[in-house]
Amino acid sequence: MSRVVILGAGTALDDAWAVASELFSEAQRLPLVTCDQFNFDLAPLLSAHAPGQTRVFVAMDGRAVNDVRHQLITRVQLAGYPLVSLVAPGVTLDPAAEIAGNVYIAPGSNVGPQCSLGTGCWLGRAVMLERGVSLGTCVTLGSAVVLGEQVSVGAGATLGTGSLALAGSAVGKRCEWLLGATLPSQLADYSFYDAVLPEDARIYRH
């Protein structure tokens, strides 16, 4: 049987480890070291855990480090390690939903039928996804986010705690919606909304 290694940093590592400890009796926790919060050393993984005997979950905090999570997942895959997802006990996951590797779903969440969750997605506590929701790679959803039927969220986007997207809404890639309220029906790629910039800022340097 392959071992499971939970690697990462910050509170995301703590949250992922709490779920992994319930799911896997032989899980191992591996904090990563960094000098700049962007570049992480994978040597502890590569030197001690053979790819053919190890499945990996990458746990990194969301928002500004969605790209870091994506980068680390890619590096882990290129090194030959298969990814494992963490679905907390008690989560309602419809059999017709599809989740890719390295997906985290926190306790109290509900994922409806025909939902599609891309690699590296992170769902906080009590998230509700209605039928047909589509999440791109490395999407981060804060606690108590509700997405109506057929909502699509682009790769690398973040929706803050308490956000609500009505049925058919579309969120572009790399968006950040941190207002914790009802989203517009369309959010353009690279949009940014928070309490300081509630009218939207656009990130022009891609």
Protein backbone atom coordinates (compact mmCIF):
# COMPACT_ATOMS: atom_id res chain seq x y z
CA MET A 1 0.00 0.00 0.00
CA SER A 2 1.32 3.47 -0.89
CA ARG A 3 1.89 6.00 1.85
CA VAL A 4 0.23 9.42 1.80
CA VAL A 5 2.31 12.56 2.36
CA ILE A 6 0.64 15.89 3.17
CA LEU A 7 3.09 18.65 2.35
CA GLY A 8 2.75 22.41 2.45
CA ALA A 9 2.74 25.37 4.80
CA GLY A 10 0.50 27.64 6.87
CA THR A 11 -3.01 27.02 8.10
CA ALA A 12 -3.80 25.09 4.93
CA LEU A 13 -1.34 22.41 6.03
CA ASP A 14 -3.01 22.26 9.45
CA ASP A 15 -6.48 21.92 7.90
CA ALA A 16 -5.39 19.30 5.38
CA TRP A 17 -3.56 17.32 8.03
CA ALA A 18 -6.65 17.25 10.27
CA VAL A 19 -8.70 15.66 7.48
CA ALA A 20 -5.92 13.35 6.29
CA SER A 21 -5.46 12.01 9.82
CA GLU A 22 -9.06 10.83 9.76
CA LEU A 23 -8.82 9.30 6.29
CA PHE A 24 -5.42 7.59 6.32
CA SER A 25 -3.82 5.71 9.19
CA GLU A 26 -0.31 6.03 7.73
CA ALA A 27 -0.38 9.65 6.55
CA GLN A 28 2.76 11.72 7.06
CA ARG A 29 2.97 15.49 7.52
CA LEU A 30 5.79 17.31 5.71
CA PRO A 31 6.13 21.09 6.28
CA LEU A 32 7.93 22.86 3.44
CA VAL A 33 10.63 25.48 3.94
CA THR A 34 10.71 28.78 2.04
CA CYS A 35 12.57 32.07 2.29
CA ASP A 36 10.10 34.13 0.25
CA GLN A 37 6.68 32.37 0.47
CA PHE A 38 6.93 31.57 -3.23
CA ASN A 39 9.80 29.15 -3.77
CA PHE A 40 9.57 25.95 -1.72
CA ASP A 41 12.21 23.25 -1.37
CA LEU A 42 10.93 19.79 -2.31
CA ALA A 43 14.17 18.04 -1.32
CA PRO A 44 12.63 16.52 1.87
CA LEU A 45 9.99 14.82 -0.28
CA LEU A 46 12.31 13.74 -3.08
CA SER A 47 14.99 12.35 -0.77
CA ALA A 48 12.78 10.34 1.58
CA HIS A 49 9.72 9.21 -0.40
CA ALA A 50 9.86 7.18 -3.60
CA PRO A 51 7.29 8.21 -6.25
CA GLY A 52 6.14 4.65 -6.83
CA GLN A 53 5.26 4.23 -3.16
CA THR A 54 3.88 7.67 -2.30
CA ARG A 55 0.76 9.69 -3.00
CA VAL A 56 0.94 13.41 -2.28
CA PHE A 57 -1.40 16.23 -1.29
CA VAL A 58 -0.13 19.80 -1.63
CA ALA A 59 -1.63 22.14 0.99
CA MET A 60 -1.06 25.85 0.48
CA ASP A 61 -3.12 28.82 1.63
CA GLY A 62 -5.29 30.43 -1.02
CA ARG A 63 -5.62 33.90 -2.52
CA ALA A 64 -2.19 35.25 -3.47
CA VAL A 65 -0.63 31.79 -3.43
CA ASN A 66 -3.10 30.06 -5.74
CA ASP A 67 -0.25 30.26 -8.26
CA VAL A 68 2.17 28.78 -5.72
CA ARG A 69 -0.18 25.87 -5.08
CA HIS A 70 -0.47 25.29 -8.83
CA GLN A 71 3.30 25.48 -9.27
CA LEU A 72 3.96 23.00 -6.47
CA ILE A 73 1.36 20.56 -7.74
CA THR A 74 2.98 20.67 -11.17
CA ARG A 75 6.43 20.06 -9.71
CA VAL A 76 5.14 17.12 -7.67
CA GLN A 77 3.49 15.58 -10.73
CA LEU A 78 6.58 16.07 -12.90
CA ALA A 79 8.59 14.23 -10.23
CA GLY A 80 6.30 11.24 -10.73
CA TYR A 81 4.09 11.41 -7.63
CA PRO A 82 0.36 10.70 -8.00
CA LEU A 83 -1.96 13.16 -6.26
CA VAL A 84 -4.53 12.32 -3.61
CA SER A 85 -7.64 14.33 -2.76
CA LEU A 86 -8.97 14.97 0.75
CA VAL A 87 -12.73 14.81 1.23
CA ALA A 88 -13.62 15.25 4.89
CA PRO A 89 -15.86 12.67 6.57
CA GLY A 90 -19.47 13.78 6.46
CA VAL A 91 -19.14 15.76 3.22
CA THR A 92 -22.04 15.17 0.84
CA LEU A 93 -20.43 14.32 -2.50
CA ASP A 94 -22.84 13.28 -5.23
CA PRO A 95 -21.75 10.12 -7.08
CA ALA A 96 -22.16 11.99 -10.37
CA ALA A 97 -19.70 14.72 -9.35
CA GLU A 98 -16.16 14.61 -10.73
CA ILE A 99 -13.15 15.72 -8.72
CA ALA A 100 -9.57 15.81 -9.99
CA GLY A 101 -6.43 15.26 -7.92
CA ASN A 102 -5.31 17.36 -4.96
CA VAL A 103 -8.82 18.62 -4.18
CA TYR A 104 -9.65 19.55 -0.57
CA ILE A 105 -13.27 19.59 0.63
CA ALA A 106 -13.74 20.71 4.24
CA PRO A 107 -16.34 19.37 6.69
CA GLY A 108 -19.96 20.36 6.20
CA SER A 109 -19.70 20.92 2.44
CA ASN A 110 -22.13 19.70 -0.19
CA VAL A 111 -21.17 18.98 -3.82
CA GLY A 112 -24.11 18.35 -6.12
CA PRO A 113 -24.55 16.19 -9.22
CA GLN A 114 -22.62 16.90 -12.43
CA CYS A 115 -20.21 19.21 -10.60
CA SER A 116 -16.64 19.28 -11.88
CA LEU A 117 -13.74 20.29 -9.60
CA GLY A 118 -10.36 20.87 -11.24
CA THR A 119 -6.97 19.89 -9.89
CA GLY A 120 -5.94 21.72 -6.73
CA CYS A 121 -9.34 23.16 -5.79
CA TRP A 122 -9.81 24.12 -2.14
CA LEU A 123 -13.30 24.24 -0.59
CA GLY A 124 -13.66 25.70 2.90
CA ARG A 125 -16.21 24.64 5.50
CA ALA A 126 -19.92 24.47 4.65
CA VAL A 127 -19.49 25.24 0.95
CA MET A 128 -22.50 24.36 -1.19
CA LEU A 129 -22.23 23.62 -4.92
CA GLU A 130 -25.50 23.11 -6.77
CA ARG A 131 -25.92 20.93 -9.85
CA GLY A 132 -23.47 21.43 -12.71
CA VAL A 133 -21.00 23.80 -11.03
CA SER A 134 -17.63 23.86 -12.78
CA LEU A 135 -14.42 24.90 -10.97
CA GLY A 136 -11.16 25.38 -12.86
CA THR A 137 -7.70 24.46 -11.63
CA CYS A 138 -6.68 25.75 -8.18
CA VAL A 139 -9.89 27.59 -7.35
CA THR A 140 -10.22 28.62 -3.69
CA LEU A 141 -13.65 28.93 -2.05
CA GLY A 142 -13.87 30.33 1.47
CA SER A 143 -16.23 29.01 4.12
CA ALA A 144 -19.99 29.11 3.48
CA VAL A 145 -19.67 29.96 -0.22
CA VAL A 146 -22.80 29.03 -2.19
CA LEU A 147 -22.69 28.52 -5.97
CA GLY A 148 -25.98 28.05 -7.82
CA GLU A 149 -26.65 25.68 -10.69
CA GLN A 150 -24.31 25.81 -13.69
CA VAL A 151 -21.98 28.42 -12.15
CA SER A 152 -18.50 28.37 -13.68
CA VAL A 153 -15.36 29.62 -11.92
CA GLY A 154 -12.13 30.08 -13.86
CA ALA A 155 -8.70 28.76 -12.94
CA GLY A 156 -6.95 30.40 -10.01
CA ALA A 157 -9.98 32.38 -8.84
CA THR A 158 -10.80 33.04 -5.18
CA LEU A 159 -14.23 33.66 -3.67
CA GLY A 160 -14.20 34.88 -0.08
CA THR A 161 -16.23 33.64 2.88
CA GLY A 162 -19.98 33.94 2.46
CA SER A 163 -19.93 34.66 -1.28
CA LEU A 164 -23.03 33.79 -3.28
CA ALA A 165 -23.14 33.20 -7.04
CA LEU A 166 -26.60 32.85 -8.56
CA ALA A 167 -27.42 30.17 -11.11
CA GLY A 168 -25.63 30.58 -14.43
CA SER A 169 -23.04 33.09 -13.18
CA ALA A 170 -19.55 33.04 -14.67
CA VAL A 171 -16.37 34.00 -12.80
CA GLY A 172 -13.27 34.59 -14.91
CA LYS A 173 -9.83 33.17 -14.29
CA ARG A 174 -7.61 34.68 -11.57
CA CYS A 175 -10.48 36.72 -10.14
CA GLU A 176 -10.64 37.62 -6.46
CA TRP A 177 -14.05 38.38 -4.96
CA LEU A 178 -13.57 39.08 -1.25
CA LEU A 179 -16.72 41.04 -0.42
CA GLY A 180 -18.67 38.08 0.95
CA ALA A 181 -21.84 39.09 -0.88
CA THR A 182 -23.77 38.23 -4.05
CA LEU A 183 -21.55 38.26 -7.12
CA PRO A 184 -22.47 39.94 -10.42
CA SER A 185 -23.61 37.51 -13.10
CA GLN A 186 -20.29 37.98 -14.93
CA LEU A 187 -16.80 38.69 -13.59
CA ALA A 188 -14.10 39.37 -16.18
CA ASP A 189 -10.73 37.65 -16.00
CA TYR A 190 -8.32 39.19 -13.46
CA SER A 191 -11.02 41.19 -11.64
CA PHE A 192 -10.39 42.12 -8.02
CA TYR A 193 -13.00 43.17 -5.46
CA ASP A 194 -12.54 43.71 -1.72
CA ALA A 195 -13.63 46.17 0.98
CA VAL A 196 -11.03 48.72 -0.15
CA LEU A 197 -11.79 48.34 -3.87
CA PRO A 198 -15.49 47.38 -3.99
CA GLU A 199 -15.91 48.84 -7.50
CA ASP A 200 -13.32 46.50 -9.06
CA ALA A 201 -9.67 46.79 -9.89
CA ARG A 202 -8.15 45.00 -12.85
CA ILE A 203 -4.79 43.29 -12.82
CA TYR A 204 -3.08 44.30 -16.05
CA ARG A 205 0.18 42.48 -15.59
CA HIS A 206 -0.59 38.85 -16.32
